[in-house]
Protein backbone atom coordinates (compact mmCIF):
# COMPACT_ATOMS: atom_id res chain seq x y z
CA MET A 1 19.56 26.68 15.29
CA ALA A 2 18.74 23.38 16.75
CA CYS A 3 15.29 22.10 17.95
CA ASP A 4 14.81 22.49 21.55
CA LEU A 5 14.76 19.34 22.86
CA ARG A 6 11.71 19.86 24.72
CA ASP A 7 10.02 20.15 21.32
CA ILE A 8 10.36 16.47 20.68
CA ARG A 9 7.67 13.90 21.43
CA PHE A 10 8.05 10.65 20.85
CA PHE A 11 4.83 8.63 20.01
CA GLY A 12 5.22 4.54 20.40
CA MET A 13 8.87 4.45 20.88
CA LYS A 14 11.24 5.66 23.44
CA GLY A 15 13.12 8.32 23.32
CA GLU A 16 16.76 7.93 24.92
CA GLU A 17 18.55 10.98 25.60
CA SER A 18 21.30 9.93 22.81
CA LEU A 19 18.56 9.69 20.50
CA LEU A 20 17.00 13.18 21.56
CA ASP A 21 20.44 15.17 20.86
CA MET A 22 20.84 13.38 17.71
CA LEU A 23 17.51 14.56 16.36
CA ALA A 24 17.18 18.05 18.01
CA SER A 25 20.73 18.90 15.98
CA GLN A 26 19.21 17.70 12.45
CA LEU A 27 16.05 19.89 13.19
CA PRO A 28 15.20 23.70 13.36
CA GLU A 29 13.72 25.31 15.97
CA GLY A 30 10.29 26.91 16.46
CA HIS A 31 8.56 23.53 15.92
CA GLY A 32 6.71 21.07 17.64
CA PHE A 33 7.94 17.44 16.48
CA THR A 34 6.29 14.18 16.69
CA VAL A 35 8.50 11.05 16.55
CA PHE A 36 7.29 7.73 15.11
CA PRO A 37 8.69 4.56 14.62
CA GLY A 38 9.03 3.93 10.64
CA PHE A 39 5.88 3.35 8.98
CA CYS A 40 5.27 -0.04 6.73
CA ASP A 41 3.92 -0.07 3.25
CA VAL A 42 3.21 -3.66 2.07
CA HIS A 43 1.64 -2.98 -1.29
CA VAL A 44 4.18 -0.73 -3.44
CA HIS A 45 4.91 -1.06 -6.98
CA PHE A 46 9.21 0.04 -7.58
CA ARG A 47 9.15 -0.90 -11.47
CA GLU A 48 12.63 -2.34 -11.18
CA PRO A 49 13.86 -4.32 -13.10
CA GLY A 50 11.26 -3.86 -16.48
CA PHE A 51 9.78 -0.64 -16.49
CA SER A 52 12.57 1.88 -14.57
CA TYR A 53 10.89 4.40 -16.50
CA LYS A 54 8.09 4.60 -14.19
CA GLU A 55 10.09 4.05 -10.98
CA THR A 56 13.43 2.50 -9.64
CA ILE A 57 14.29 1.01 -6.56
CA LEU A 58 16.26 4.12 -5.97
CA THR A 59 13.37 6.75 -6.72
CA GLY A 60 10.75 4.17 -4.99
CA SER A 61 13.08 4.45 -1.88
CA MET A 62 13.11 8.15 -1.80
CA ALA A 63 9.50 8.83 -1.90
CA ALA A 64 8.92 6.20 0.97
CA ALA A 65 11.44 7.85 3.18
CA ALA A 66 10.05 11.32 2.06
CA GLY A 67 6.68 9.71 3.23
CA GLY A 68 8.12 8.07 6.89
CA VAL A 69 8.21 4.95 5.48
CA THR A 70 11.27 2.80 6.04
CA SER A 71 9.93 -0.84 4.86
CA VAL A 72 7.91 -1.76 2.07
CA CYS A 73 6.88 -5.17 0.13
CA ALA A 74 7.31 -4.93 -3.58
CA MET A 75 4.66 -5.96 -6.09
CA PRO A 76 6.29 -8.81 -8.79
CA ASN A 77 4.51 -7.23 -11.64
CA LEU A 78 7.96 -6.69 -13.15
CA ASP A 79 9.92 -7.80 -16.37
CA PRO A 80 10.82 -10.59 -15.50
CA VAL A 81 8.31 -11.31 -13.32
CA PRO A 82 9.75 -12.97 -10.03
CA ASP A 83 8.56 -16.49 -10.73
CA SER A 84 11.71 -18.03 -10.09
CA LEU A 85 14.82 -17.60 -8.15
CA GLU A 86 16.55 -17.13 -11.69
CA HIS A 87 14.08 -14.20 -12.11
CA LEU A 88 13.76 -12.90 -8.82
CA SER A 89 17.73 -12.53 -8.54
CA ALA A 90 17.37 -9.37 -11.00
CA GLU A 91 15.01 -7.51 -8.25
CA LEU A 92 17.23 -8.94 -5.22
CA GLU A 93 20.17 -7.12 -7.15
CA ALA A 94 18.71 -4.14 -7.51
CA ILE A 95 17.23 -3.66 -4.29
CA LYS A 96 20.70 -4.48 -2.50
CA LYS A 97 22.24 -1.98 -4.97
CA ALA A 98 19.89 0.71 -4.75
CA GLY A 99 17.35 0.39 -1.67
CA LEU A 100 17.28 3.28 0.91
CA ILE A 101 14.98 1.34 2.86
CA ASP A 102 13.93 -2.20 3.57
CA VAL A 103 12.33 -3.50 0.39
CA PHE A 104 11.16 -6.99 0.58
CA PRO A 105 9.96 -8.42 -2.74
CA TYR A 106 6.92 -10.44 -3.54
CA GLY A 107 7.38 -13.84 -5.68
CA SER A 108 4.52 -14.57 -7.93
CA ILE A 109 1.61 -16.78 -7.43
CA THR A 110 2.05 -18.28 -11.19
CA VAL A 111 4.23 -18.13 -14.16
CA GLY A 112 4.34 -14.75 -15.55
CA GLU A 113 1.62 -13.74 -13.35
CA LYS A 114 -0.68 -15.55 -16.47
CA GLY A 115 -2.88 -17.69 -14.01
CA GLU A 116 -1.78 -21.16 -15.76
CA GLU A 117 1.03 -22.59 -14.10
CA LEU A 118 2.38 -22.61 -10.29
CA ALA A 119 5.51 -20.48 -10.20
CA ASP A 120 8.39 -21.94 -8.55
CA LEU A 121 7.33 -20.87 -4.83
CA ASP A 122 9.26 -23.31 -3.17
CA ALA A 123 12.79 -21.71 -4.53
CA MET A 124 11.71 -18.19 -3.88
CA ALA A 125 10.61 -18.95 -0.18
CA PRO A 126 13.57 -18.12 1.38
CA PHE A 127 13.77 -14.38 0.00
CA VAL A 128 10.36 -13.22 -0.55
CA CYS A 129 7.50 -11.80 1.98
CA ALA A 130 4.84 -13.87 0.10
CA PHE A 131 3.18 -14.80 -2.89
CA SER A 132 0.85 -12.61 -4.94
CA ASP A 133 -0.06 -12.36 -8.82
CA ASP A 134 -1.23 -8.68 -7.94
CA GLY A 135 -2.70 -6.50 -10.49
CA ARG A 136 -4.47 -9.88 -11.89
CA GLY A 137 -6.60 -12.02 -10.05
CA VAL A 138 -6.17 -15.86 -9.87
CA GLN A 139 -9.19 -17.13 -11.88
CA SER A 140 -8.98 -20.99 -11.32
CA ASP A 141 -9.90 -22.27 -8.11
CA ASP A 142 -7.61 -25.04 -8.52
CA MET A 143 -4.41 -23.07 -9.49
CA MET A 144 -5.79 -20.91 -6.00
CA ARG A 145 -6.05 -24.02 -4.10
CA GLU A 146 -2.75 -25.60 -5.17
CA ALA A 147 -0.92 -22.14 -4.52
CA MET A 148 -2.50 -22.18 -0.78
CA LYS A 149 -1.61 -25.85 -0.14
CA ARG A 150 2.07 -25.15 -1.30
CA ALA A 151 2.41 -21.64 0.66
CA LYS A 152 1.21 -23.31 3.55
CA ALA A 153 3.69 -25.76 3.53
CA LEU A 154 6.27 -23.12 2.93
CA GLY A 155 4.85 -21.22 5.87
CA LYS A 156 4.30 -18.10 3.61
CA MET A 157 1.14 -16.22 3.20
CA ILE A 158 -1.13 -15.76 -0.36
CA VAL A 159 -1.70 -12.24 -0.85
CA ALA A 160 -4.60 -11.94 -3.71
CA HIS A 161 -5.81 -8.88 -5.76
CA CYS A 162 -9.24 -10.13 -6.00
CA GLU A 163 -11.09 -9.45 -9.52
CA VAL A 164 -13.13 -12.17 -11.66
CA ASN A 165 -12.40 -11.52 -15.04
CA ASP A 166 -15.77 -12.44 -16.54
CA LEU A 167 -17.55 -9.54 -14.69
CA LEU A 168 -14.94 -6.59 -15.45
CA LYS A 169 -16.62 -6.11 -19.00
CA GLY A 170 -14.29 -3.66 -20.08
CA GLY A 171 -14.79 -1.37 -17.22
CA TYR A 172 -12.28 1.54 -15.52
CA ILE A 173 -13.95 3.06 -13.13
CA HIS A 174 -16.85 2.29 -10.42
CA ASP A 175 -20.00 1.26 -11.66
CA GLY A 176 -21.86 4.09 -10.22
CA GLU A 177 -23.65 7.25 -10.43
CA TYR A 178 -20.32 9.17 -12.19
CA ALA A 179 -20.27 6.21 -14.59
CA ARG A 180 -23.63 6.66 -15.69
CA ALA A 181 -24.06 10.42 -15.52
CA HIS A 182 -20.85 10.83 -18.01
CA GLY A 183 -21.15 7.77 -20.20
CA HIS A 184 -18.22 5.63 -18.96
CA ARG A 185 -17.80 1.97 -18.21
CA GLY A 186 -18.15 0.64 -14.82
CA ILE A 187 -16.56 -1.76 -12.82
CA CYS A 188 -18.74 -3.68 -10.69
CA SER A 189 -18.42 -4.02 -6.94
CA GLU A 190 -19.01 -8.06 -7.43
CA SER A 191 -15.90 -8.69 -9.64
CA GLU A 192 -13.81 -7.84 -6.40
CA TRP A 193 -15.85 -9.32 -3.71
CA ALA A 194 -17.22 -12.65 -5.44
CA GLN A 195 -13.31 -13.49 -5.82
CA ILE A 196 -12.66 -12.58 -1.99
CA VAL A 197 -15.77 -15.36 -1.18
CA ARG A 198 -13.93 -17.89 -3.37
CA ASP A 199 -10.54 -17.08 -1.49
CA VAL A 200 -12.17 -17.32 1.62
CA ARG A 201 -13.38 -20.55 1.27
CA LEU A 202 -10.07 -22.01 -0.08
CA SER A 203 -7.97 -20.36 2.87
CA LYS A 204 -10.53 -22.18 5.47
CA GLU A 205 -9.94 -25.60 3.41
CA THR A 206 -6.10 -25.35 3.11
CA GLY A 207 -5.47 -23.44 6.59
CA CYS A 208 -3.16 -21.35 4.49
CA PRO A 209 -2.71 -17.71 5.80
CA TYR A 210 -4.67 -15.40 3.50
CA HIS A 211 -4.46 -11.48 2.69
CA VAL A 212 -6.65 -9.44 0.65
CA CYS A 213 -5.01 -6.47 -1.60
CA HIS A 214 -6.76 -3.18 -1.57
CA ILE A 215 -10.41 -3.73 -0.70
CA SER A 216 -12.60 -1.01 -2.15
CA THR A 217 -16.54 -2.68 -1.55
CA LYS A 218 -19.18 -2.55 1.38
CA GLU A 219 -19.36 -6.53 0.49
CA SER A 220 -15.71 -7.28 1.04
CA VAL A 221 -15.68 -5.54 4.20
CA ASP A 222 -18.72 -7.77 5.37
CA ILE A 223 -17.46 -11.21 3.94
CA ILE A 224 -13.92 -10.41 5.79
CA ARG A 225 -15.34 -9.64 9.00
CA LYS A 226 -17.40 -12.60 9.06
CA ALA A 227 -14.83 -14.98 8.12
CA LYS A 228 -12.55 -13.43 10.84
CA ALA A 229 -15.52 -14.23 13.45
CA GLU A 230 -15.21 -17.90 11.67
CA GLY A 231 -11.43 -18.04 12.54
CA VAL A 232 -10.23 -17.98 8.94
CA ASP A 233 -6.81 -16.61 8.83
CA VAL A 234 -7.36 -13.79 7.01
CA THR A 235 -6.33 -10.24 6.87
CA CYS A 236 -6.98 -7.24 4.47
CA GLU A 237 -6.09 -3.83 3.76
CA THR A 238 -7.36 -0.98 1.78
CA GLY A 239 -5.93 2.50 0.83
CA PRO A 240 -6.24 6.37 1.97
CA HIS A 241 -8.26 7.20 -1.26
CA TYR A 242 -10.69 4.66 -0.55
CA LEU A 243 -11.04 5.63 2.92
CA ILE A 244 -11.48 9.61 1.90
CA MET A 245 -13.19 9.71 -1.74
CA ASP A 246 -15.95 8.31 -3.07
CA ASP A 247 -16.80 8.50 -6.82
CA SER A 248 -18.50 11.98 -6.72
CA TRP A 249 -15.10 13.21 -6.38
CA LEU A 250 -14.01 11.91 -9.52
CA GLN A 251 -12.61 14.24 -12.70
CA GLU A 252 -12.22 13.55 -15.96
CA ASP A 253 -8.33 13.07 -15.37
CA GLY A 254 -6.29 9.91 -15.25
CA ARG A 255 -4.98 10.64 -11.43
CA PHE A 256 -8.33 9.61 -10.63
CA LYS A 257 -7.74 5.88 -12.06
CA MET A 258 -6.81 3.24 -10.46
CA ASN A 259 -8.12 -0.65 -9.78
CA PRO A 260 -9.76 -1.19 -7.82
CA PRO A 261 -11.48 2.32 -8.41
CA ILE A 262 -12.82 4.91 -5.91
CA ARG A 263 -16.44 3.44 -4.98
CA SER A 264 -19.62 5.17 -3.59
CA ALA A 265 -20.09 7.02 -0.83
CA GLU A 266 -21.59 3.40 1.22
CA ASP A 267 -18.70 1.73 0.38
CA ARG A 268 -16.13 4.68 1.63
CA ASP A 269 -18.57 4.34 4.70
CA ALA A 270 -18.19 0.67 4.96
CA LEU A 271 -14.43 1.07 4.66
CA ILE A 272 -14.14 3.58 7.62
CA GLU A 273 -16.22 1.20 9.81
CA GLY A 274 -13.75 -1.44 8.82
CA ILE A 275 -10.78 0.33 10.40
CA LYS A 276 -12.66 1.40 13.27
CA ASP A 277 -13.70 -2.32 14.40
CA GLY A 278 -10.66 -3.85 13.26
CA THR A 279 -11.86 -5.74 10.18
CA ILE A 280 -9.73 -3.95 7.81
CA ASP A 281 -5.96 -4.74 9.45
CA MET A 282 -3.79 -2.10 7.95
CA ILE A 283 -3.66 1.00 5.49
CA ILE A 284 -1.24 0.80 2.24
CA THR A 285 -0.87 3.14 -0.76
CA ASP A 286 -1.04 0.45 -3.56
CA HIS A 287 2.19 3.17 -4.99
CA ALA A 288 1.58 2.63 -8.61
CA PRO A 289 3.71 4.96 -10.57
CA HIS A 290 3.44 5.35 -14.57
CA SER A 291 4.70 8.31 -16.80
CA ALA A 292 3.26 11.46 -17.48
CA GLU A 293 1.81 10.44 -21.08
CA GLU A 294 0.70 7.20 -19.68
CA LYS A 295 -1.53 9.42 -17.13
CA ALA A 296 -2.70 11.86 -19.37
CA LYS A 297 -5.23 10.16 -21.44
CA GLY A 298 -8.21 10.40 -19.46
CA LEU A 299 -10.46 7.95 -17.22
CA GLU A 300 -10.86 5.63 -20.29
CA LYS A 301 -7.34 5.54 -21.70
CA SER A 302 -4.91 6.17 -19.02
CA ALA A 303 -3.31 3.57 -17.10
CA PHE A 304 -4.71 2.00 -13.59
CA GLY A 305 -2.67 3.23 -10.62
CA VAL A 306 -1.54 6.60 -8.81
CA VAL A 307 1.07 7.15 -6.28
CA GLY A 308 0.75 7.50 -2.85
CA LEU A 309 3.84 7.18 -0.63
CA GLU A 310 4.41 10.69 -0.07
CA THR A 311 1.20 11.66 1.02
CA SER A 312 -0.29 8.75 2.95
CA PHE A 313 0.22 9.41 6.74
CA SER A 314 -0.70 12.98 5.64
CA ALA A 315 -4.13 12.57 4.15
CA CYS A 316 -5.29 9.82 6.70
CA TYR A 317 -3.88 12.16 9.71
CA THR A 318 -5.96 14.97 7.81
CA HIS A 319 -8.97 13.12 7.06
CA LEU A 320 -9.43 10.52 9.76
CA VAL A 321 -7.56 11.70 12.82
CA LYS A 322 -8.19 15.23 12.83
CA THR A 323 -11.80 14.63 12.18
CA GLY A 324 -12.17 12.43 15.19
CA ILE A 325 -13.08 9.35 13.31
CA ILE A 326 -9.85 7.16 14.43
CA THR A 327 -7.22 8.08 17.13
CA LEU A 328 -3.67 8.48 16.55
CA GLU A 329 -2.80 5.34 18.21
CA ARG A 330 -5.13 3.32 15.75
CA LEU A 331 -3.38 5.19 12.52
CA ALA A 332 -0.25 4.08 14.16
CA GLU A 333 -1.22 0.44 14.39
CA LEU A 334 -3.17 0.35 10.65
CA MET A 335 0.19 1.96 9.34
CA ILE A 336 3.18 0.74 11.50
CA THR A 337 2.38 -2.31 14.04
CA ARG A 338 0.01 -4.36 12.09
CA PRO A 339 1.33 -4.61 8.77
CA ARG A 340 4.65 -5.48 10.24
CA GLU A 341 3.18 -8.21 12.83
CA ARG A 342 1.23 -9.83 9.88
CA PHE A 343 4.00 -9.92 7.54
CA GLY A 344 6.81 -10.78 9.79
CA LEU A 345 8.95 -8.01 9.05
CA PRO A 346 11.20 -6.36 11.40
CA LEU A 347 11.34 -2.66 12.80
CA ASP A 348 14.88 -1.71 13.64
CA PRO A 349 14.87 0.81 16.71
CA MET A 350 16.32 3.35 14.84
CA ASP A 351 14.11 3.41 12.05
CA LEU A 352 11.88 6.25 12.77
CA SER A 353 10.46 9.51 11.23
CA VAL A 354 9.64 13.00 12.63
CA TRP A 355 6.88 14.98 11.89
CA ASP A 356 5.14 18.39 12.32
CA LEU A 357 1.38 17.61 12.62
CA ASP A 358 0.50 21.06 12.45
CA GLU A 359 2.05 22.17 9.66
CA LYS A 360 -0.36 22.63 6.48
CA PHE A 361 0.80 22.32 2.91
CA THR A 362 -0.78 21.88 -0.37
CA VAL A 363 -0.11 18.78 -2.01
CA ASP A 364 2.32 19.32 -5.11
CA PRO A 365 3.18 16.49 -7.54
CA ALA A 366 6.14 18.48 -8.82
CA ARG A 367 8.01 18.36 -5.58
CA PHE A 368 7.58 14.31 -5.42
CA LEU A 369 10.76 12.26 -5.17
CA SER A 370 8.92 9.55 -7.10
CA LYS A 371 8.85 9.43 -10.95
CA GLY A 372 5.39 9.15 -10.56
CA ARG A 373 2.98 12.46 -10.62
CA ALA A 374 -0.60 11.26 -10.59
CA THR A 375 -2.54 11.56 -7.31
CA PRO A 376 -5.98 12.46 -6.68
CA PHE A 377 -4.73 14.30 -3.81
CA GLU A 378 -3.37 17.19 -6.12
CA GLY A 379 -4.19 20.72 -4.46
CA MET A 380 -5.45 19.42 -1.55
CA GLU A 381 -4.21 21.22 1.91
CA LEU A 382 -3.30 18.50 4.42
CA TYR A 383 -1.68 18.52 8.40
CA GLY A 384 1.39 16.86 8.91
CA ALA A 385 4.79 17.85 7.41
CA CYS A 386 7.75 14.99 7.41
CA TYR A 387 11.08 16.69 8.46
CA LEU A 388 13.62 13.71 8.81
CA THR A 389 13.70 10.16 8.27
CA LEU A 390 16.01 7.53 9.40
CA HIS A 391 16.66 3.66 8.67
CA GLN A 392 18.98 1.83 10.90
CA GLY A 393 20.07 4.94 12.24
CA ARG A 394 21.13 6.69 8.91
CA THR A 395 19.57 9.52 7.37
CA VAL A 396 17.57 8.68 4.42
CA TYR A 397 15.25 11.95 4.04
CA LYS A 398 15.62 15.08 5.33
CA ARG A 399 13.70 17.98 4.48
């Protein structure tokens, strides 16, 4: 039986009668449904070309659609790295062939993401959402300054993974209580926030719009808050695991290893304040799939990265909205409105996802559509089940 039209509620969009009828015909009865505009994730890794054993444009798109996401920005740590129009073309062709949703590629800041030579930003600019060396911080001040000047001239944004290599010292989880108690090498917070200080200064100097990837420390929040107050054109993002977990949640399992790492409770609380007061502009997943073998080597030797597209909204709804930390309206801003505004991404009026917000489920990675299975939310009970996702009016996911 089809869902009763009275059981469909539209959130942040208009419900025309024709749309109601179409949705009701695809949804089961006995549920109350909430319809959202398509979510947008500006930080994912779809691994194609070069690492298709981890993920492909197709499987990444399927995972996104299952999480209600209809637009993503795909990071450039690929093979070949999209550092020229020739190298970017391989990714563009894969997107055209297999993308079920809107997939907007990044161009790299430097050749091969090595930080030594500026990539061909001019040639790539018409085809990329922004420029990033994600996974690697640009170590040279002069290189980042030149990149910002060039990006500014091209009307593009610099999006930075902030990490000072000299401060890493072989660390692989947060340099906190868990690391000390279990004999692990830690990653200090300064390795992140020190480079943000540098980049904020260069953004102010050059006038280049600047976006900080996956912030995880209380210092990063403070630095960005002050920079915004001073009028610097800076925005930032964080992920669900940084907002929900702290390093006391860690286990001796590769599904808890990502970069930057899950940090202290004090850091988590600062991030929560950042999403409440507007310092943090958006929530992303940093969806970073790896093979089972690559994630089965414990905290020290597993690859950095976890998956998140299929749990992001549900995790945030459960732990941030149902607990009263933020409103559903604020979560929609963080996951729909602000990412599109900042990155200049379109929203088709027929991009939408349909959810039963009252349905509870247990996270089971074996059911993921992504090739990646490593998630720190495995076994967790979450609220909010996606039943249907449309992209440009076409069904791209149906439960």
